[in-house]
């Protein structure tokens, strides 16, 4: 039998990258059109900084089989669009019964979470903070600091990502903005569209065959 090969990786806190991985992708500011509340301020910023990298992801994907793990590092630049802090696109796992673990390595940020029926949670993440995202929670990370925000992450290899769930609701229920006093605050997203009971049941049904959950 050929056994899976163990691996190790170095995390470079200066670059915010995990060296030696097989996958890397970047999101530039121009790629995030429609993510922020103030479209006018976004367009003005993107006109001069559209090619600036907002976040970088490097990860190791040994397989997509159940029982395996994907491990990687996310680095997010500091910055704001208007008063709203830089953030990732966010997602729910396509197999929504899959959790995710994050570990803060550098900087100051948040994990913004939302249940399918609209409950919200916010967890602050600093260096050496471990953040557990339970199954079925939509989640996105936000850099509320003045330096790069770097996190290690790990999740089941067969999780998958569903980004469209946020787009269909016109964003998440909460937005994270500068409080004007050197900190952050959350505010309601007035464009948010709640999911119907049928939408929530359909999400739960994705795992009903494996968990015995009745929609």
N, C-alpha and C. Protein backbone atom coordinates (compact mmCIF):
# COMPACT_ATOMS: atom_id res chain seq x y z
N UNK A 1 0.85 -1.20 0.00
CA UNK A 1 0.00 0.00 0.00
C UNK A 1 0.88 1.24 0.00
N UNK A 2 0.49 2.24 -0.76
CA UNK A 2 1.22 3.51 -0.75
C UNK A 2 0.52 4.47 0.22
N UNK A 3 1.22 4.78 1.30
CA UNK A 3 0.63 5.63 2.34
C UNK A 3 0.72 7.11 1.93
N UNK A 4 -0.27 7.93 2.31
CA UNK A 4 -0.17 9.37 2.06
C UNK A 4 1.09 9.93 2.70
N UNK A 5 1.73 10.86 2.03
CA UNK A 5 3.00 11.39 2.49
C UNK A 5 2.81 12.55 3.46
N UNK A 6 3.36 12.47 4.68
CA UNK A 6 3.29 13.61 5.60
C UNK A 6 4.04 14.81 5.01
N UNK A 7 3.61 16.00 5.39
CA UNK A 7 4.23 17.23 4.89
C UNK A 7 4.36 18.23 6.03
N UNK A 8 5.28 19.17 5.86
CA UNK A 8 5.36 20.31 6.77
C UNK A 8 5.56 21.56 5.93
N UNK A 9 5.12 22.69 6.47
CA UNK A 9 5.18 23.95 5.74
C UNK A 9 5.61 25.06 6.69
N UNK A 10 6.33 26.01 6.17
CA UNK A 10 6.74 27.18 6.95
C UNK A 10 5.81 28.34 6.65
N UNK A 11 5.38 29.03 7.70
CA UNK A 11 4.56 30.24 7.54
C UNK A 11 5.46 31.44 7.71
N UNK A 12 5.52 32.26 6.67
CA UNK A 12 6.33 33.48 6.69
C UNK A 12 5.45 34.64 7.13
N UNK A 13 5.64 35.10 8.36
CA UNK A 13 4.78 36.16 8.88
C UNK A 13 5.06 37.52 8.24
N UNK A 14 6.21 37.66 7.59
CA UNK A 14 6.50 38.92 6.90
C UNK A 14 5.67 39.04 5.62
N UNK A 15 5.56 37.93 4.89
CA UNK A 15 4.78 37.94 3.65
C UNK A 15 3.34 37.49 3.87
N UNK A 16 3.10 36.79 4.98
CA UNK A 16 1.77 36.25 5.23
C UNK A 16 1.44 35.04 4.37
N UNK A 17 2.47 34.33 3.90
CA UNK A 17 2.27 33.18 3.02
C UNK A 17 2.78 31.91 3.67
N UNK A 18 2.20 30.78 3.28
CA UNK A 18 2.68 29.47 3.70
C UNK A 18 3.51 28.91 2.56
N UNK A 19 4.79 28.74 2.80
CA UNK A 19 5.72 28.35 1.73
C UNK A 19 5.59 26.87 1.37
N UNK A 20 5.70 26.57 0.08
CA UNK A 20 5.76 25.19 -0.38
C UNK A 20 4.42 24.55 -0.64
N UNK A 21 3.34 25.32 -0.65
CA UNK A 21 2.02 24.74 -0.90
C UNK A 21 1.77 24.65 -2.40
N UNK A 22 0.75 23.89 -2.77
CA UNK A 22 0.47 23.72 -4.18
C UNK A 22 -0.54 24.70 -4.74
N UNK A 23 -1.20 25.47 -3.88
CA UNK A 23 -2.28 26.35 -4.34
C UNK A 23 -2.11 27.74 -3.75
N UNK A 24 -2.30 28.73 -4.60
CA UNK A 24 -2.31 30.12 -4.14
C UNK A 24 -3.28 30.91 -4.99
N UNK A 25 -4.11 31.72 -4.35
CA UNK A 25 -4.92 32.64 -5.12
C UNK A 25 -4.99 33.98 -4.41
N UNK A 26 -5.27 35.01 -5.20
CA UNK A 26 -5.30 36.38 -4.70
C UNK A 26 -6.61 37.05 -5.09
N UNK A 27 -7.07 37.93 -4.24
CA UNK A 27 -8.19 38.78 -4.58
C UNK A 27 -7.72 40.23 -4.55
N UNK A 28 -7.80 40.86 -5.70
CA UNK A 28 -7.46 42.27 -5.81
C UNK A 28 -8.70 43.11 -5.57
N UNK A 29 -8.49 44.39 -5.28
CA UNK A 29 -9.63 45.25 -4.96
C UNK A 29 -10.68 45.21 -6.07
N UNK A 30 -10.22 45.27 -7.32
CA UNK A 30 -11.16 45.28 -8.45
C UNK A 30 -12.02 44.03 -8.50
N UNK A 31 -11.51 42.91 -7.93
CA UNK A 31 -12.27 41.66 -7.93
C UNK A 31 -13.45 41.69 -6.96
N UNK A 32 -13.47 42.68 -6.07
CA UNK A 32 -14.44 42.70 -4.98
C UNK A 32 -15.56 43.71 -5.21
N UNK A 33 -15.77 44.06 -6.46
CA UNK A 33 -16.86 44.97 -6.82
C UNK A 33 -18.20 44.40 -6.36
N UNK A 34 -18.99 45.22 -5.69
CA UNK A 34 -20.28 44.79 -5.19
C UNK A 34 -20.27 44.27 -3.77
N UNK A 35 -19.08 44.14 -3.19
CA UNK A 35 -18.97 43.59 -1.84
C UNK A 35 -19.27 44.64 -0.76
N UNK A 36 -18.94 45.88 -1.04
CA UNK A 36 -19.02 46.95 -0.04
C UNK A 36 -20.28 47.79 -0.22
N UNK A 37 -20.72 48.39 0.87
CA UNK A 37 -21.98 49.12 0.87
C UNK A 37 -21.93 50.38 0.01
N UNK A 38 -20.81 51.10 0.06
CA UNK A 38 -20.70 52.39 -0.63
C UNK A 38 -20.06 52.19 -2.00
N UNK A 39 -20.88 52.01 -3.02
CA UNK A 39 -20.38 51.74 -4.37
C UNK A 39 -19.59 52.92 -4.92
N UNK A 40 -20.00 54.12 -4.58
CA UNK A 40 -19.29 55.31 -5.08
C UNK A 40 -17.87 55.37 -4.54
N UNK A 41 -17.73 55.15 -3.25
CA UNK A 41 -16.39 55.17 -2.64
C UNK A 41 -15.55 53.98 -3.14
N UNK A 42 -16.19 52.84 -3.36
CA UNK A 42 -15.45 51.70 -3.90
C UNK A 42 -14.91 52.04 -5.29
N UNK A 43 -15.73 52.59 -6.14
CA UNK A 43 -15.30 52.91 -7.50
C UNK A 43 -14.17 53.93 -7.50
N UNK A 44 -14.25 54.90 -6.60
CA UNK A 44 -13.20 55.91 -6.51
C UNK A 44 -11.89 55.28 -6.05
N UNK A 45 -11.95 54.40 -5.08
CA UNK A 45 -10.74 53.74 -4.58
C UNK A 45 -10.18 52.78 -5.63
N UNK A 46 -11.06 52.03 -6.28
CA UNK A 46 -10.63 51.05 -7.28
C UNK A 46 -10.01 51.73 -8.50
N UNK A 47 -10.40 52.96 -8.78
CA UNK A 47 -9.86 53.66 -9.93
C UNK A 47 -8.35 53.82 -9.82
N UNK A 48 -7.85 53.99 -8.61
CA UNK A 48 -6.41 54.15 -8.41
C UNK A 48 -5.72 52.95 -7.82
N UNK A 49 -6.51 52.04 -7.20
CA UNK A 49 -5.91 50.91 -6.47
C UNK A 49 -6.57 49.58 -6.82
N UNK A 50 -7.17 49.48 -7.99
CA UNK A 50 -7.87 48.27 -8.36
C UNK A 50 -7.00 47.04 -8.40
N UNK A 51 -5.69 47.22 -8.68
CA UNK A 51 -4.77 46.09 -8.75
C UNK A 51 -4.16 45.73 -7.40
N UNK A 52 -4.44 46.51 -6.37
CA UNK A 52 -3.90 46.20 -5.04
C UNK A 52 -4.50 44.89 -4.52
N UNK A 53 -3.65 44.05 -3.93
CA UNK A 53 -4.11 42.77 -3.39
C UNK A 53 -4.73 42.99 -2.02
N UNK A 54 -6.00 42.65 -1.89
CA UNK A 54 -6.69 42.77 -0.61
C UNK A 54 -6.41 41.55 0.26
N UNK A 55 -6.48 40.35 -0.35
CA UNK A 55 -6.09 39.17 0.43
C UNK A 55 -5.51 38.08 -0.45
N UNK A 56 -4.65 37.28 0.20
CA UNK A 56 -3.88 36.20 -0.39
C UNK A 56 -4.21 34.91 0.36
N UNK A 57 -4.36 33.82 -0.35
CA UNK A 57 -4.57 32.52 0.30
C UNK A 57 -3.58 31.52 -0.28
N UNK A 58 -2.84 30.86 0.59
CA UNK A 58 -1.98 29.75 0.18
C UNK A 58 -2.41 28.53 0.99
N UNK A 59 -2.58 27.39 0.30
CA UNK A 59 -3.05 26.22 1.06
C UNK A 59 -2.53 24.91 0.47
N UNK A 60 -2.60 23.89 1.30
CA UNK A 60 -2.21 22.53 0.92
C UNK A 60 -3.48 21.70 0.80
N UNK A 61 -3.70 21.13 -0.40
CA UNK A 61 -4.91 20.34 -0.69
C UNK A 61 -4.48 18.92 -1.07
N UNK A 62 -4.26 18.06 -0.10
CA UNK A 62 -3.77 16.71 -0.42
C UNK A 62 -4.77 15.89 -1.22
N UNK A 63 -6.07 16.11 -0.99
CA UNK A 63 -7.12 15.42 -1.73
C UNK A 63 -8.44 16.10 -1.40
N UNK A 64 -9.52 15.66 -2.06
CA UNK A 64 -10.85 16.15 -1.72
C UNK A 64 -11.70 15.04 -1.09
N UNK A 65 -11.04 14.04 -0.54
CA UNK A 65 -11.74 12.90 0.02
C UNK A 65 -12.21 13.17 1.45
N UNK A 66 -13.38 12.64 1.83
CA UNK A 66 -13.81 12.75 3.23
C UNK A 66 -12.75 12.15 4.16
N UNK A 67 -12.50 12.81 5.27
CA UNK A 67 -11.49 12.34 6.21
C UNK A 67 -10.16 13.03 6.06
N UNK A 68 -9.95 13.73 4.92
CA UNK A 68 -8.70 14.47 4.73
C UNK A 68 -8.92 15.93 5.15
N UNK A 69 -7.82 16.69 5.21
CA UNK A 69 -7.88 18.07 5.65
C UNK A 69 -7.19 19.00 4.66
N UNK A 70 -7.77 20.16 4.46
CA UNK A 70 -7.12 21.25 3.75
C UNK A 70 -6.61 22.24 4.79
N UNK A 71 -5.35 22.63 4.66
CA UNK A 71 -4.72 23.54 5.62
C UNK A 71 -4.07 24.69 4.86
N UNK A 72 -4.20 25.90 5.36
CA UNK A 72 -3.60 27.02 4.66
C UNK A 72 -3.53 28.27 5.52
N UNK A 73 -3.14 29.35 4.85
CA UNK A 73 -2.98 30.65 5.52
C UNK A 73 -3.65 31.72 4.66
N UNK A 74 -4.37 32.60 5.32
CA UNK A 74 -4.94 33.78 4.68
C UNK A 74 -4.23 35.03 5.19
N UNK A 75 -3.81 35.90 4.26
CA UNK A 75 -3.24 37.20 4.63
C UNK A 75 -4.12 38.30 4.03
N UNK A 76 -4.58 39.21 4.88
CA UNK A 76 -5.44 40.29 4.42
C UNK A 76 -4.80 41.64 4.73
N UNK A 77 -4.79 42.51 3.74
CA UNK A 77 -4.24 43.85 3.91
C UNK A 77 -5.16 44.70 4.78
N UNK A 78 -4.58 45.70 5.46
CA UNK A 78 -5.42 46.66 6.16
C UNK A 78 -6.01 47.65 5.17
N UNK A 79 -7.16 48.18 5.49
CA UNK A 79 -7.76 49.19 4.61
C UNK A 79 -9.25 49.27 4.80
N UNK A 80 -9.85 50.27 4.18
CA UNK A 80 -11.30 50.48 4.28
C UNK A 80 -11.82 51.00 2.95
N UNK A 81 -13.08 50.72 2.70
CA UNK A 81 -13.83 51.35 1.62
C UNK A 81 -14.84 52.25 2.31
N UNK A 82 -14.58 53.55 2.28
CA UNK A 82 -15.35 54.45 3.13
C UNK A 82 -15.05 54.12 4.57
N UNK A 83 -16.08 53.81 5.35
CA UNK A 83 -15.88 53.44 6.75
C UNK A 83 -15.84 51.94 6.95
N UNK A 84 -16.03 51.17 5.87
CA UNK A 84 -16.15 49.71 6.00
C UNK A 84 -14.81 49.03 5.80
N UNK A 85 -14.45 48.18 6.75
CA UNK A 85 -13.14 47.53 6.73
C UNK A 85 -13.04 46.48 5.62
N UNK A 86 -11.80 46.27 5.15
CA UNK A 86 -11.53 45.22 4.18
C UNK A 86 -11.98 43.86 4.74
N UNK A 87 -12.52 43.02 3.85
CA UNK A 87 -13.05 41.73 4.26
C UNK A 87 -12.89 40.73 3.12
N UNK A 88 -13.07 39.45 3.45
CA UNK A 88 -13.11 38.42 2.43
C UNK A 88 -14.52 38.31 1.87
N UNK A 89 -14.66 37.59 0.76
CA UNK A 89 -15.99 37.41 0.17
C UNK A 89 -16.91 36.66 1.13
N UNK A 90 -16.38 35.69 1.84
CA UNK A 90 -17.19 34.91 2.77
C UNK A 90 -17.92 33.77 2.07
N UNK A 91 -18.29 32.74 2.84
CA UNK A 91 -18.95 31.58 2.26
C UNK A 91 -19.60 30.73 3.35
N UNK A 92 -20.42 29.80 2.92
CA UNK A 92 -20.84 28.69 3.74
C UNK A 92 -20.28 27.45 3.06
N UNK A 93 -20.02 26.41 3.79
CA UNK A 93 -19.50 25.21 3.15
C UNK A 93 -20.61 24.54 2.33
N UNK A 94 -20.25 24.11 1.14
CA UNK A 94 -21.22 23.45 0.27
C UNK A 94 -21.80 22.22 0.96
N UNK A 95 -20.96 21.46 1.66
CA UNK A 95 -21.42 20.43 2.60
C UNK A 95 -21.53 21.13 3.95
N UNK A 96 -22.71 21.61 4.29
CA UNK A 96 -22.80 22.58 5.39
C UNK A 96 -22.59 21.99 6.77
N UNK A 97 -22.46 20.67 6.87
CA UNK A 97 -22.16 20.09 8.17
C UNK A 97 -20.67 20.03 8.45
N UNK A 98 -19.86 20.75 7.66
CA UNK A 98 -18.42 20.77 7.86
C UNK A 98 -18.02 22.04 8.63
N UNK A 99 -17.21 21.89 9.70
CA UNK A 99 -16.74 23.05 10.47
C UNK A 99 -15.43 23.59 9.90
N UNK A 100 -14.90 24.62 10.54
CA UNK A 100 -13.59 25.16 10.16
C UNK A 100 -12.93 25.74 11.40
N UNK A 101 -11.61 25.61 11.45
CA UNK A 101 -10.83 26.16 12.55
C UNK A 101 -9.88 27.21 12.01
N UNK A 102 -9.83 28.35 12.68
CA UNK A 102 -8.90 29.43 12.35
C UNK A 102 -8.00 29.69 13.56
N UNK A 103 -6.75 30.06 13.27
CA UNK A 103 -5.81 30.41 14.34
C UNK A 103 -5.08 31.69 13.95
N UNK A 104 -5.25 32.74 14.76
CA UNK A 104 -4.63 34.02 14.46
C UNK A 104 -3.12 33.97 14.62
N UNK A 105 -2.41 34.48 13.62
CA UNK A 105 -0.95 34.51 13.64
C UNK A 105 -0.39 35.92 13.76
N UNK A 106 -1.14 36.89 13.22
CA UNK A 106 -0.63 38.27 13.19
C UNK A 106 -1.78 39.22 12.94
N UNK A 107 -1.74 40.38 13.59
CA UNK A 107 -2.73 41.41 13.33
C UNK A 107 -3.99 41.27 14.15
N UNK A 108 -5.00 42.05 13.77
CA UNK A 108 -6.26 42.12 14.51
C UNK A 108 -7.42 42.05 13.54
N UNK A 109 -8.30 41.11 13.78
CA UNK A 109 -9.43 40.96 12.88
C UNK A 109 -10.63 40.35 13.57
N UNK A 110 -11.62 40.05 12.75
CA UNK A 110 -12.87 39.47 13.24
C UNK A 110 -13.26 38.31 12.35
N UNK A 111 -14.03 37.39 12.92
CA UNK A 111 -14.76 36.43 12.13
C UNK A 111 -16.23 36.79 12.28
N UNK A 112 -16.84 37.20 11.18
CA UNK A 112 -18.25 37.56 11.16
C UNK A 112 -19.03 36.33 10.70
N UNK A 113 -19.98 35.89 11.52
CA UNK A 113 -20.71 34.66 11.23
C UNK A 113 -22.21 34.90 11.22
N UNK A 114 -22.90 34.12 10.40
CA UNK A 114 -24.35 34.24 10.26
C UNK A 114 -24.95 32.86 10.00
N UNK A 115 -25.98 32.53 10.75
CA UNK A 115 -26.68 31.27 10.51
C UNK A 115 -27.60 31.42 9.31
N UNK A 116 -28.03 30.33 8.69
CA UNK A 116 -28.93 30.44 7.54
C UNK A 116 -30.20 31.22 7.84
N UNK A 117 -30.70 31.17 9.09
CA UNK A 117 -31.93 31.91 9.41
C UNK A 117 -31.65 33.29 9.98
N UNK A 118 -30.38 33.75 9.91
CA UNK A 118 -30.09 35.16 10.18
C UNK A 118 -29.54 35.50 11.54
N UNK A 119 -29.27 34.51 12.40
CA UNK A 119 -28.58 34.83 13.66
C UNK A 119 -27.14 35.25 13.35
N UNK A 120 -26.57 36.11 14.17
CA UNK A 120 -25.21 36.59 13.91
C UNK A 120 -24.32 36.40 15.14
N UNK A 121 -23.03 36.19 14.87
CA UNK A 121 -22.01 36.12 15.91
C UNK A 121 -20.76 36.80 15.37
N UNK A 122 -20.01 37.44 16.27
CA UNK A 122 -18.74 38.07 15.90
C UNK A 122 -17.69 37.62 16.90
N UNK A 123 -16.57 37.08 16.39
CA UNK A 123 -15.46 36.65 17.25
C UNK A 123 -14.23 37.47 16.89
N UNK A 124 -13.64 38.13 17.87
CA UNK A 124 -12.38 38.86 17.65
C UNK A 124 -11.24 37.85 17.56
N UNK A 125 -10.33 38.10 16.63
CA UNK A 125 -9.17 37.21 16.45
C UNK A 125 -7.90 38.05 16.45
N UNK A 126 -6.99 37.70 17.33
CA UNK A 126 -5.67 38.33 17.41
C UNK A 126 -4.62 37.22 17.30
N UNK A 127 -3.35 37.57 17.38
CA UNK A 127 -2.31 36.55 17.39
C UNK A 127 -2.57 35.58 18.54
N UNK A 128 -2.54 34.28 18.23
CA UNK A 128 -2.72 33.19 19.19
C UNK A 128 -4.17 32.98 19.61
N UNK A 129 -5.13 33.56 18.88
CA UNK A 129 -6.54 33.27 19.11
C UNK A 129 -6.97 32.12 18.21
N UNK A 130 -7.60 31.12 18.79
CA UNK A 130 -8.21 30.04 18.01
C UNK A 130 -9.70 30.32 17.89
N UNK A 131 -10.22 30.24 16.68
CA UNK A 131 -11.64 30.50 16.42
C UNK A 131 -12.26 29.28 15.75
N UNK A 132 -13.28 28.73 16.38
CA UNK A 132 -14.00 27.59 15.84
C UNK A 132 -15.27 28.07 15.15
N UNK A 133 -15.40 27.77 13.87
CA UNK A 133 -16.62 28.07 13.12
C UNK A 133 -17.41 26.77 13.01
N UNK A 134 -18.56 26.68 13.68
CA UNK A 134 -19.32 25.42 13.66
C UNK A 134 -19.92 25.13 12.28
N UNK A 135 -20.35 23.90 12.08
CA UNK A 135 -21.08 23.60 10.84
C UNK A 135 -22.28 24.53 10.66
N UNK A 136 -22.62 24.80 9.39
CA UNK A 136 -23.83 25.53 9.00
C UNK A 136 -23.75 27.04 9.18
N UNK A 137 -22.60 27.57 9.53
CA UNK A 137 -22.50 29.02 9.69
C UNK A 137 -21.80 29.64 8.48
N UNK A 138 -22.42 30.63 7.89
CA UNK A 138 -21.77 31.48 6.90
C UNK A 138 -20.69 32.26 7.64
N UNK A 139 -19.52 32.45 7.01
CA UNK A 139 -18.47 33.18 7.71
C UNK A 139 -17.59 33.96 6.75
N UNK A 140 -17.15 35.10 7.23
CA UNK A 140 -16.17 35.92 6.50
C UNK A 140 -15.25 36.58 7.51
N UNK A 141 -14.00 36.82 7.12
CA UNK A 141 -13.04 37.47 8.01
C UNK A 141 -12.88 38.93 7.60
N UNK A 142 -12.58 39.75 8.60
CA UNK A 142 -12.49 41.20 8.43
C UNK A 142 -11.22 41.68 9.13
N UNK A 143 -10.45 42.52 8.45
CA UNK A 143 -9.25 43.10 9.06
C UNK A 143 -9.61 44.46 9.66
N UNK A 144 -9.63 44.54 11.00
CA UNK A 144 -9.97 45.81 11.66
C UNK A 144 -8.73 46.48 12.23
N UNK A 145 -7.55 45.99 11.87
CA UNK A 145 -6.30 46.55 12.39
C UNK A 145 -5.60 47.45 11.40
N UNK A 146 -4.36 47.80 11.74
CA UNK A 146 -3.56 48.70 10.91
C UNK A 146 -2.41 47.98 10.22
N UNK A 147 -2.34 46.66 10.38
CA UNK A 147 -1.31 45.87 9.71
C UNK A 147 -1.97 44.64 9.08
N UNK A 148 -1.17 43.85 8.38
CA UNK A 148 -1.70 42.63 7.79
C UNK A 148 -2.35 41.76 8.87
N UNK A 149 -3.46 41.14 8.50
CA UNK A 149 -4.15 40.19 9.36
C UNK A 149 -3.89 38.81 8.76
N UNK A 150 -3.23 37.93 9.54
CA UNK A 150 -2.80 36.63 9.04
C UNK A 150 -3.38 35.53 9.92
N UNK A 151 -4.01 34.54 9.28
CA UNK A 151 -4.61 33.43 10.02
C UNK A 151 -4.27 32.10 9.34
N UNK A 152 -4.03 31.09 10.16
CA UNK A 152 -3.99 29.71 9.70
C UNK A 152 -5.42 29.18 9.71
N UNK A 153 -5.77 28.34 8.73
CA UNK A 153 -7.09 27.73 8.72
C UNK A 153 -6.98 26.24 8.40
N UNK A 154 -8.00 25.51 8.79
CA UNK A 154 -8.04 24.06 8.52
C UNK A 154 -9.49 23.62 8.46
N UNK A 155 -9.84 22.86 7.41
CA UNK A 155 -11.22 22.39 7.28
C UNK A 155 -11.24 21.06 6.51
N UNK A 156 -12.32 20.29 6.65
CA UNK A 156 -12.40 19.00 5.95
C UNK A 156 -12.30 19.18 4.44
N UNK A 157 -11.60 18.25 3.81
CA UNK A 157 -11.26 18.41 2.40
C UNK A 157 -12.47 18.37 1.48
N UNK A 158 -13.56 17.77 1.94
CA UNK A 158 -14.75 17.68 1.08
C UNK A 158 -15.78 18.76 1.41
N UNK A 159 -15.36 19.84 2.07
CA UNK A 159 -16.30 20.88 2.49
C UNK A 159 -16.91 21.63 1.31
N UNK A 160 -16.07 22.10 0.40
CA UNK A 160 -16.54 22.94 -0.68
C UNK A 160 -16.93 24.32 -0.16
N UNK A 161 -17.05 25.29 -1.06
CA UNK A 161 -17.45 26.65 -0.68
C UNK A 161 -18.62 27.12 -1.53
N UNK A 162 -19.60 27.69 -0.88
CA UNK A 162 -20.74 28.31 -1.56
C UNK A 162 -20.67 29.81 -1.25
N UNK A 163 -20.21 30.59 -2.23
CA UNK A 163 -20.11 32.04 -2.08
C UNK A 163 -21.42 32.74 -2.42
N UNK A 164 -22.22 32.12 -3.27
CA UNK A 164 -23.42 32.78 -3.80
C UNK A 164 -24.47 33.00 -2.72
N UNK A 165 -24.41 32.24 -1.63
CA UNK A 165 -25.42 32.40 -0.58
C UNK A 165 -25.43 33.83 -0.03
N UNK A 166 -24.26 34.46 0.03
CA UNK A 166 -24.18 35.84 0.51
C UNK A 166 -24.69 36.80 -0.56
N UNK A 167 -24.31 36.55 -1.81
CA UNK A 167 -24.76 37.42 -2.90
C UNK A 167 -26.28 37.44 -3.01
N UNK A 168 -26.90 36.28 -2.83
CA UNK A 168 -28.36 36.19 -2.97
C UNK A 168 -29.09 36.99 -1.90
N UNK A 169 -28.44 37.22 -0.76
CA UNK A 169 -29.06 38.01 0.32
C UNK A 169 -28.57 39.45 0.33
N UNK A 170 -27.89 39.87 -0.74
CA UNK A 170 -27.36 41.24 -0.82
C UNK A 170 -26.38 41.54 0.31
N UNK A 171 -25.53 40.57 0.60
CA UNK A 171 -24.54 40.73 1.65
C UNK A 171 -24.96 40.00 2.91
N UNK A 172 -24.14 40.13 3.96
CA UNK A 172 -24.49 39.55 5.25
C UNK A 172 -25.35 40.53 6.05
N UNK A 173 -25.99 40.05 7.08
CA UNK A 173 -26.90 40.88 7.86
C UNK A 173 -26.19 42.07 8.50
N UNK A 174 -24.91 41.89 8.88
CA UNK A 174 -24.14 42.94 9.53
C UNK A 174 -22.96 43.36 8.67
N UNK A 175 -22.59 44.63 8.77
CA UNK A 175 -21.37 45.16 8.18
C UNK A 175 -20.49 45.69 9.30
N UNK A 176 -19.17 45.62 9.10
CA UNK A 176 -18.20 46.05 10.12
C UNK A 176 -17.57 47.35 9.67
N UNK A 177 -17.73 48.41 10.48
CA UNK A 177 -17.28 49.74 10.09
C UNK A 177 -16.44 50.37 11.21
N UNK A 178 -15.70 51.39 10.83
CA UNK A 178 -14.92 52.19 11.77
C UNK A 178 -15.89 52.93 12.70
N UNK A 179 -15.62 52.87 14.01
CA UNK A 179 -16.51 53.56 14.96
C UNK A 179 -16.13 55.01 15.17
N UNK A 180 -15.07 55.49 14.49
CA UNK A 180 -14.65 56.88 14.62
C UNK A 180 -13.84 57.16 15.86
N UNK A 181 -13.57 56.13 16.66
CA UNK A 181 -12.83 56.31 17.91
C UNK A 181 -11.65 55.34 17.98
N UNK A 182 -11.18 54.90 16.82
CA UNK A 182 -10.04 53.99 16.79
C UNK A 182 -10.42 52.53 16.91
N UNK A 183 -11.69 52.22 16.85
CA UNK A 183 -12.15 50.84 16.97
C UNK A 183 -13.12 50.50 15.85
N UNK A 184 -13.93 49.50 16.09
CA UNK A 184 -14.91 49.05 15.09
C UNK A 184 -16.27 48.89 15.75
N UNK A 185 -17.28 48.86 14.92
CA UNK A 185 -18.62 48.54 15.37
C UNK A 185 -19.35 47.82 14.23
N UNK A 186 -20.38 47.09 14.58
CA UNK A 186 -21.21 46.45 13.57
C UNK A 186 -22.45 47.30 13.36
N UNK A 187 -22.95 47.29 12.14
CA UNK A 187 -24.20 47.99 11.85
C UNK A 187 -25.03 47.13 10.90
N UNK A 188 -26.35 47.33 10.96
CA UNK A 188 -27.25 46.55 10.12
C UNK A 188 -27.03 46.90 8.65
N UNK A 189 -27.13 45.89 7.82
CA UNK A 189 -27.06 46.07 6.37
C UNK A 189 -28.48 46.30 5.87
N UNK A 190 -28.82 47.54 5.47
CA UNK A 190 -30.21 47.82 5.07
C UNK A 190 -30.65 47.10 3.81
N UNK A 191 -29.68 46.64 3.01
CA UNK A 191 -30.02 45.94 1.77
C UNK A 191 -30.23 44.45 1.98
N UNK A 192 -30.02 43.97 3.20
CA UNK A 192 -30.06 42.53 3.48
C UNK A 192 -31.44 41.95 3.19
N UNK A 193 -31.46 40.80 2.54
CA UNK A 193 -32.70 40.10 2.23
C UNK A 193 -32.71 38.77 2.98
N UNK A 194 -33.67 38.61 3.88
CA UNK A 194 -33.72 37.39 4.68
C UNK A 194 -34.07 36.18 3.81
N UNK A 195 -33.53 35.03 4.20
CA UNK A 195 -33.86 33.79 3.50
C UNK A 195 -35.22 33.29 3.96
N UNK A 196 -35.94 32.73 3.04
CA UNK A 196 -37.25 32.18 3.36
C UNK A 196 -37.09 30.87 4.13
N UNK A 197 -38.18 30.44 4.76
CA UNK A 197 -38.15 29.15 5.46
C UNK A 197 -37.82 28.02 4.49
N UNK A 198 -38.28 28.14 3.26
CA UNK A 198 -37.98 27.11 2.26
C UNK A 198 -36.49 27.09 1.92
N UNK A 199 -35.89 28.30 1.84
CA UNK A 199 -34.45 28.37 1.57
C UNK A 199 -33.66 27.71 2.69
N UNK A 200 -34.04 27.99 3.93
CA UNK A 200 -33.33 27.40 5.08
C UNK A 200 -33.50 25.89 5.07
N UNK A 201 -34.70 25.40 4.80
CA UNK A 201 -34.94 23.96 4.76
C UNK A 201 -34.12 23.29 3.66
N UNK A 202 -33.99 23.99 2.53
CA UNK A 202 -33.20 23.43 1.42
C UNK A 202 -31.73 23.31 1.80
N UNK A 203 -31.22 24.28 2.56
CA UNK A 203 -29.83 24.20 3.03
C UNK A 203 -29.64 23.01 3.97
N UNK A 204 -30.56 22.86 4.91
CA UNK A 204 -30.47 21.75 5.86
C UNK A 204 -30.55 20.42 5.13
N UNK A 205 -31.35 20.37 4.07
CA UNK A 205 -31.55 19.12 3.33
C UNK A 205 -30.29 18.65 2.63
N UNK A 206 -29.31 19.52 2.45
CA UNK A 206 -28.06 19.10 1.83
C UNK A 206 -27.41 17.96 2.62
N UNK A 207 -27.65 17.90 3.93
CA UNK A 207 -27.00 16.88 4.76
C UNK A 207 -28.00 15.91 5.36
N UNK A 208 -29.26 16.01 4.95
CA UNK A 208 -30.28 15.18 5.59
C UNK A 208 -30.03 13.69 5.38
N UNK A 209 -29.45 13.33 4.22
CA UNK A 209 -29.24 11.90 3.95
C UNK A 209 -28.13 11.32 4.80
N UNK A 210 -27.15 12.15 5.19
CA UNK A 210 -26.03 11.63 5.96
C UNK A 210 -26.21 11.81 7.45
N UNK A 211 -27.04 12.79 7.85
CA UNK A 211 -27.20 13.06 9.29
C UNK A 211 -28.55 12.66 9.84
N UNK A 212 -29.48 12.30 8.98
CA UNK A 212 -30.80 11.97 9.48
C UNK A 212 -31.58 13.20 9.87
N UNK A 213 -31.21 14.37 9.34
CA UNK A 213 -31.92 15.60 9.65
C UNK A 213 -33.17 15.67 8.80
N UNK A 214 -34.31 15.95 9.41
CA UNK A 214 -35.53 16.07 8.66
C UNK A 214 -35.75 17.53 8.29
N UNK A 215 -35.80 17.88 7.00
CA UNK A 215 -35.99 19.26 6.58
C UNK A 215 -37.30 19.83 7.11
